[in-house]
Amino acid sequence: MRDILGISLGTRLVGLAVVRKSELVDFRVRKFYDAWSEEKRNEIIHAIERTAKKHEIKRIVVKTPKPHHCSPNITDLTNDIIALGERHNIRVIVCTIATILRKDRENNLRNKQSLIQWIICRHPDHKQLARLYAKEQQNNAPYYIKLFEAIACTEL
């Protein structure tokens, strides 16, 4: 059984995607716009923990920014997710977008745009993914990219 939670981690936006038996069953972007605080940190971890429990997750794959771009807050969140995994006996893998792109060289994934198009083709039953991508292309500030990164995490 393959129950995976993919997470694209941020301090304001967190992408979450759940795959069960190779089928994408849940995906969303969670917003946490308040100023950084311990309460916000706990709220993000609690949202991740609720999702993991609801879907009986066996593995979590977390996409973080490149190490030299990680704020202390992202590092703290990553460590909290690792601790969550240890408490619930869930394997946790931490990666970057470069790791995801390298893993799938045979699909000719060179950048986030080619990754998103590959995800849309890989999940044709989820027609809203194509609509969200079209919407993302019109956004001045990236929003749904977190969603697509979370889905990509489930492929590792």
C-alpha atoms as a PDB file:
ATOM      1  CA  MET A   1       0.000   0.000   0.000  1.00  0.00           C
ATOM      2  CA  ARG A   2       1.344   3.391  -0.975  1.00  0.00           C
ATOM      3  CA  ASP A   3      -0.092   6.134   1.238  1.00  0.00           C
ATOM      4  CA  ILE A   4       2.063   9.212   0.712  1.00  0.00           C
ATOM      5  CA  LEU A   5       1.671  12.801   1.840  1.00  0.00           C
ATOM      6  CA  GLY A   6       3.549  15.284  -0.350  1.00  0.00           C
ATOM      7  CA  ILE A   7       4.237  18.678   1.189  1.00  0.00           C
ATOM      8  CA  SER A   8       5.596  21.833  -0.408  1.00  0.00           C
ATOM      9  CA  LEU A   9       6.638  23.759   2.649  1.00  0.00           C
ATOM     10  CA  GLY A  10       6.418  27.503   3.128  1.00  0.00           C
ATOM     11  CA  THR A  11       5.721  29.868   5.994  1.00  0.00           C
ATOM     12  CA  ARG A  12       2.678  31.423   4.282  1.00  0.00           C
ATOM     13  CA  LEU A  13       1.539  28.765   1.822  1.00  0.00           C
ATOM     14  CA  VAL A  14       1.763  25.003   2.263  1.00  0.00           C
ATOM     15  CA  GLY A  15       0.894  22.613  -0.552  1.00  0.00           C
ATOM     16  CA  LEU A  16      -0.499  19.219   0.487  1.00  0.00           C
ATOM     17  CA  ALA A  17      -1.164  16.204  -1.734  1.00  0.00           C
ATOM     18  CA  VAL A  18      -2.173  12.665  -0.782  1.00  0.00           C
ATOM     19  CA  VAL A  19      -1.653   9.591  -2.934  1.00  0.00           C
ATOM     20  CA  ARG A  20      -3.247   6.284  -1.985  1.00  0.00           C
ATOM     21  CA  LYS A  21      -2.421   3.196  -4.028  1.00  0.00           C
ATOM     22  CA  SER A  22      -0.942   5.379  -6.802  1.00  0.00           C
ATOM     23  CA  GLU A  23      -4.129   7.483  -7.032  1.00  0.00           C
ATOM     24  CA  LEU A  24      -4.193  11.182  -6.188  1.00  0.00           C
ATOM     25  CA  VAL A  25      -6.999  11.407  -3.622  1.00  0.00           C
ATOM     26  CA  ASP A  26      -6.569  14.834  -2.018  1.00  0.00           C
ATOM     27  CA  PHE A  27      -4.712  18.042  -2.838  1.00  0.00           C
ATOM     28  CA  ARG A  28      -4.890  21.612  -1.597  1.00  0.00           C
ATOM     29  CA  VAL A  29      -3.007  24.752  -0.697  1.00  0.00           C
ATOM     30  CA  ARG A  30      -3.300  25.889   2.912  1.00  0.00           C
ATOM     31  CA  LYS A  31      -2.845  29.594   3.675  1.00  0.00           C
ATOM     32  CA  PHE A  32      -1.158  30.847   6.835  1.00  0.00           C
ATOM     33  CA  TYR A  33      -0.854  34.610   6.314  1.00  0.00           C
ATOM     34  CA  ASP A  34      -0.407  35.771   9.918  1.00  0.00           C
ATOM     35  CA  ALA A  35       2.974  36.990  11.126  1.00  0.00           C
ATOM     36  CA  TRP A  36       5.361  34.237  12.189  1.00  0.00           C
ATOM     37  CA  SER A  37       4.793  32.996  15.736  1.00  0.00           C
ATOM     38  CA  GLU A  38       4.860  29.768  17.714  1.00  0.00           C
ATOM     39  CA  GLU A  39       1.083  29.648  17.325  1.00  0.00           C
ATOM     40  CA  LYS A  40       1.382  29.804  13.534  1.00  0.00           C
ATOM     41  CA  ARG A  41       4.129  27.160  13.586  1.00  0.00           C
ATOM     42  CA  ASN A  42       1.903  24.864  15.660  1.00  0.00           C
ATOM     43  CA  GLU A  43      -1.065  25.545  13.369  1.00  0.00           C
ATOM     44  CA  ILE A  44       0.930  24.467  10.300  1.00  0.00           C
ATOM     45  CA  ILE A  45       2.181  21.289  11.986  1.00  0.00           C
ATOM     46  CA  HIS A  46      -1.308  20.509  13.294  1.00  0.00           C
ATOM     47  CA  ALA A  47      -2.751  20.819   9.754  1.00  0.00           C
ATOM     48  CA  ILE A  48      -0.100  18.407   8.464  1.00  0.00           C
ATOM     49  CA  GLU A  49      -0.689  15.988  11.342  1.00  0.00           C
ATOM     50  CA  ARG A  50      -4.486  16.023  10.778  1.00  0.00           C
ATOM     51  CA  THR A  51      -3.990  15.217   7.109  1.00  0.00           C
ATOM     52  CA  ALA A  52      -1.541  12.404   7.940  1.00  0.00           C
ATOM     53  CA  LYS A  53      -3.943  10.857  10.455  1.00  0.00           C
ATOM     54  CA  LYS A  54      -7.013  11.245   8.238  1.00  0.00           C
ATOM     55  CA  HIS A  55      -5.348   9.419   5.346  1.00  0.00           C
ATOM     56  CA  GLU A  56      -3.297   6.948   7.431  1.00  0.00           C
ATOM     57  CA  ILE A  57      -0.081   8.133   5.792  1.00  0.00           C
ATOM     58  CA  LYS A  58       2.931   5.807   5.706  1.00  0.00           C
ATOM     59  CA  ARG A  59       5.430   8.215   4.124  1.00  0.00           C
ATOM     60  CA  ILE A  60       5.817  11.998   4.007  1.00  0.00           C
ATOM     61  CA  VAL A  61       7.914  13.719   1.359  1.00  0.00           C
ATOM     62  CA  VAL A  62       8.676  17.367   2.123  1.00  0.00           C
ATOM     63  CA  LYS A  63       9.916  19.786  -0.529  1.00  0.00           C
ATOM     64  CA  THR A  64      11.860  22.659   1.019  1.00  0.00           C
ATOM     65  CA  PRO A  65      13.718  25.548  -0.602  1.00  0.00           C
ATOM     66  CA  LYS A  66      17.404  25.096  -1.362  1.00  0.00           C
ATOM     67  CA  PRO A  67      19.384  24.954   1.902  1.00  0.00           C
ATOM     68  CA  HIS A  68      20.905  28.417   1.417  1.00  0.00           C
ATOM     69  CA  HIS A  69      17.393  29.843   0.855  1.00  0.00           C
ATOM     70  CA  CYS A  70      15.859  28.209   3.942  1.00  0.00           C
ATOM     71  CA  SER A  71      14.862  30.560   6.713  1.00  0.00           C
ATOM     72  CA  PRO A  72      15.198  29.387  10.313  1.00  0.00           C
ATOM     73  CA  ASN A  73      11.390  29.097  10.328  1.00  0.00           C
ATOM     74  CA  ILE A  74      11.415  26.607   7.426  1.00  0.00           C
ATOM     75  CA  THR A  75      14.183  24.667   9.147  1.00  0.00           C
ATOM     76  CA  ASP A  76      12.100  24.559  12.348  1.00  0.00           C
ATOM     77  CA  LEU A  77       9.018  23.376  10.423  1.00  0.00           C
ATOM     78  CA  THR A  78      11.068  20.692   8.679  1.00  0.00           C
ATOM     79  CA  ASN A  79      12.407  19.465  12.010  1.00  0.00           C
ATOM     80  CA  ASP A  80       8.851  19.458  13.417  1.00  0.00           C
ATOM     81  CA  ILE A  81       7.672  17.294  10.507  1.00  0.00           C
ATOM     82  CA  ILE A  82      10.560  14.881  11.070  1.00  0.00           C
ATOM     83  CA  ALA A  83       9.582  14.687  14.753  1.00  0.00           C
ATOM     84  CA  LEU A  84       5.938  14.139  13.756  1.00  0.00           C
ATOM     85  CA  GLY A  85       7.075  11.246  11.582  1.00  0.00           C
ATOM     86  CA  GLU A  86       9.024   9.713  14.437  1.00  0.00           C
ATOM     87  CA  ARG A  87       6.034  10.014  16.804  1.00  0.00           C
ATOM     88  CA  HIS A  88       3.666   8.328  14.351  1.00  0.00           C
ATOM     89  CA  ASN A  89       6.118   5.862  12.762  1.00  0.00           C
ATOM     90  CA  ILE A  90       5.956   7.630   9.384  1.00  0.00           C
ATOM     91  CA  ARG A  91       8.998   7.719   7.130  1.00  0.00           C
ATOM     92  CA  VAL A  92       9.929  11.324   6.266  1.00  0.00           C
ATOM     93  CA  ILE A  93      11.987  12.313   3.221  1.00  0.00           C
ATOM     94  CA  VAL A  94      13.175  15.896   2.738  1.00  0.00           C
ATOM     95  CA  CYS A  95      14.082  17.107  -0.752  1.00  0.00           C
ATOM     96  CA  THR A  96      14.382  20.162  -2.985  1.00  0.00           C
ATOM     97  CA  ILE A  97      12.852  20.862  -6.383  1.00  0.00           C
ATOM     98  CA  ALA A  98      16.210  19.908  -7.942  1.00  0.00           C
ATOM     99  CA  THR A  99      15.918  16.445  -6.361  1.00  0.00           C
ATOM    100  CA  ILE A 100      12.437  16.007  -7.842  1.00  0.00           C
ATOM    101  CA  LEU A 101      13.539  17.127 -11.312  1.00  0.00           C
ATOM    102  CA  ARG A 102      16.663  14.914 -11.262  1.00  0.00           C
ATOM    103  CA  LYS A 103      14.650  11.865 -10.227  1.00  0.00           C
ATOM    104  CA  ASP A 104      12.561  11.981 -13.395  1.00  0.00           C
ATOM    105  CA  ARG A 105      15.098  12.752 -16.119  1.00  0.00           C
ATOM    106  CA  GLU A 106      13.506  10.189 -18.455  1.00  0.00           C
ATOM    107  CA  ASN A 107      10.380  12.389 -18.590  1.00  0.00           C
ATOM    108  CA  ASN A 108      12.527  15.349 -19.687  1.00  0.00           C
ATOM    109  CA  LEU A 109      11.656  17.493 -16.657  1.00  0.00           C
ATOM    110  CA  ARG A 110      13.897  20.540 -16.783  1.00  0.00           C
ATOM    111  CA  ASN A 111      11.976  23.114 -14.760  1.00  0.00           C
ATOM    112  CA  LYS A 112       8.801  23.678 -12.761  1.00  0.00           C
ATOM    113  CA  GLN A 113       6.737  24.384 -15.878  1.00  0.00           C
ATOM    114  CA  SER A 114       7.596  21.038 -17.492  1.00  0.00           C
ATOM    115  CA  LEU A 115       6.973  19.365 -14.109  1.00  0.00           C
ATOM    116  CA  ILE A 116       3.490  20.897 -13.870  1.00  0.00           C
ATOM    117  CA  GLN A 117       2.608  19.818 -17.415  1.00  0.00           C
ATOM    118  CA  TRP A 118       3.817  16.283 -16.634  1.00  0.00           C
ATOM    119  CA  ILE A 119       1.650  16.191 -13.473  1.00  0.00           C
ATOM    120  CA  ILE A 120      -1.426  17.306 -15.434  1.00  0.00           C
ATOM    121  CA  CYS A 121      -0.835  14.521 -17.982  1.00  0.00           C
ATOM    122  CA  ARG A 122      -0.158  11.981 -15.228  1.00  0.00           C
ATOM    123  CA  HIS A 123      -3.489  12.716 -13.495  1.00  0.00           C
ATOM    124  CA  PRO A 124      -6.014  13.132 -16.335  1.00  0.00           C
ATOM    125  CA  ASP A 125      -8.966  12.354 -14.022  1.00  0.00           C
ATOM    126  CA  HIS A 126      -8.305  15.593 -12.155  1.00  0.00           C
ATOM    127  CA  LYS A 127      -9.327  18.126 -14.790  1.00  0.00           C
ATOM    128  CA  GLN A 128      -9.157  20.952 -12.248  1.00  0.00           C
ATOM    129  CA  LEU A 129      -5.347  20.645 -12.271  1.00  0.00           C
ATOM    130  CA  ALA A 130      -5.240  22.051 -15.818  1.00  0.00           C
ATOM    131  CA  ARG A 131      -7.591  24.882 -14.780  1.00  0.00           C
ATOM    132  CA  LEU A 132      -5.424  25.665 -11.755  1.00  0.00           C
ATOM    133  CA  TYR A 133      -2.336  25.742 -13.968  1.00  0.00           C
ATOM    134  CA  ALA A 134      -4.022  28.191 -16.352  1.00  0.00           C
ATOM    135  CA  LYS A 135      -4.999  30.315 -13.368  1.00  0.00           C
ATOM    136  CA  GLU A 136      -1.437  30.120 -12.003  1.00  0.00           C
ATOM    137  CA  GLN A 137      -0.051  31.456 -15.275  1.00  0.00           C
ATOM    138  CA  GLN A 138      -2.233  34.553 -14.867  1.00  0.00           C
ATOM    139  CA  ASN A 139      -1.223  35.159 -11.224  1.00  0.00           C
ATOM    140  CA  ASN A 140       1.407  37.776 -10.535  1.00  0.00           C
ATOM    141  CA  ALA A 141       2.407  35.960  -7.352  1.00  0.00           C
ATOM    142  CA  PRO A 142       2.760  32.155  -7.418  1.00  0.00           C
ATOM    143  CA  TYR A 143       0.053  30.400  -5.447  1.00  0.00           C
ATOM    144  CA  TYR A 144      -0.807  27.020  -6.959  1.00  0.00           C
ATOM    145  CA  ILE A 145       2.844  26.160  -7.603  1.00  0.00           C
ATOM    146  CA  LYS A 146       2.910  24.829  -4.017  1.00  0.00           C
ATOM    147  CA  LEU A 147       0.118  22.429  -4.948  1.00  0.00           C
ATOM    148  CA  PHE A 148       1.958  21.075  -7.969  1.00  0.00           C
ATOM    149  CA  GLU A 149       5.205  20.745  -6.001  1.00  0.00           C
ATOM    150  CA  ALA A 150       3.342  18.755  -3.316  1.00  0.00           C
ATOM    151  CA  ILE A 151       1.908  16.424  -5.962  1.00  0.00           C
ATOM    152  CA  ALA A 152       5.395  15.994  -7.438  1.00  0.00           C
ATOM    153  CA  CYS A 153       6.677  14.991  -3.990  1.00  0.00           C
ATOM    154  CA  THR A 154       4.364  11.983  -4.028  1.00  0.00           C
ATOM    155  CA  GLU A 155       6.306  10.631  -7.019  1.00  0.00           C
ATOM    156  CA  LEU A 156       9.551  10.181  -5.049  1.00  0.00           C
END
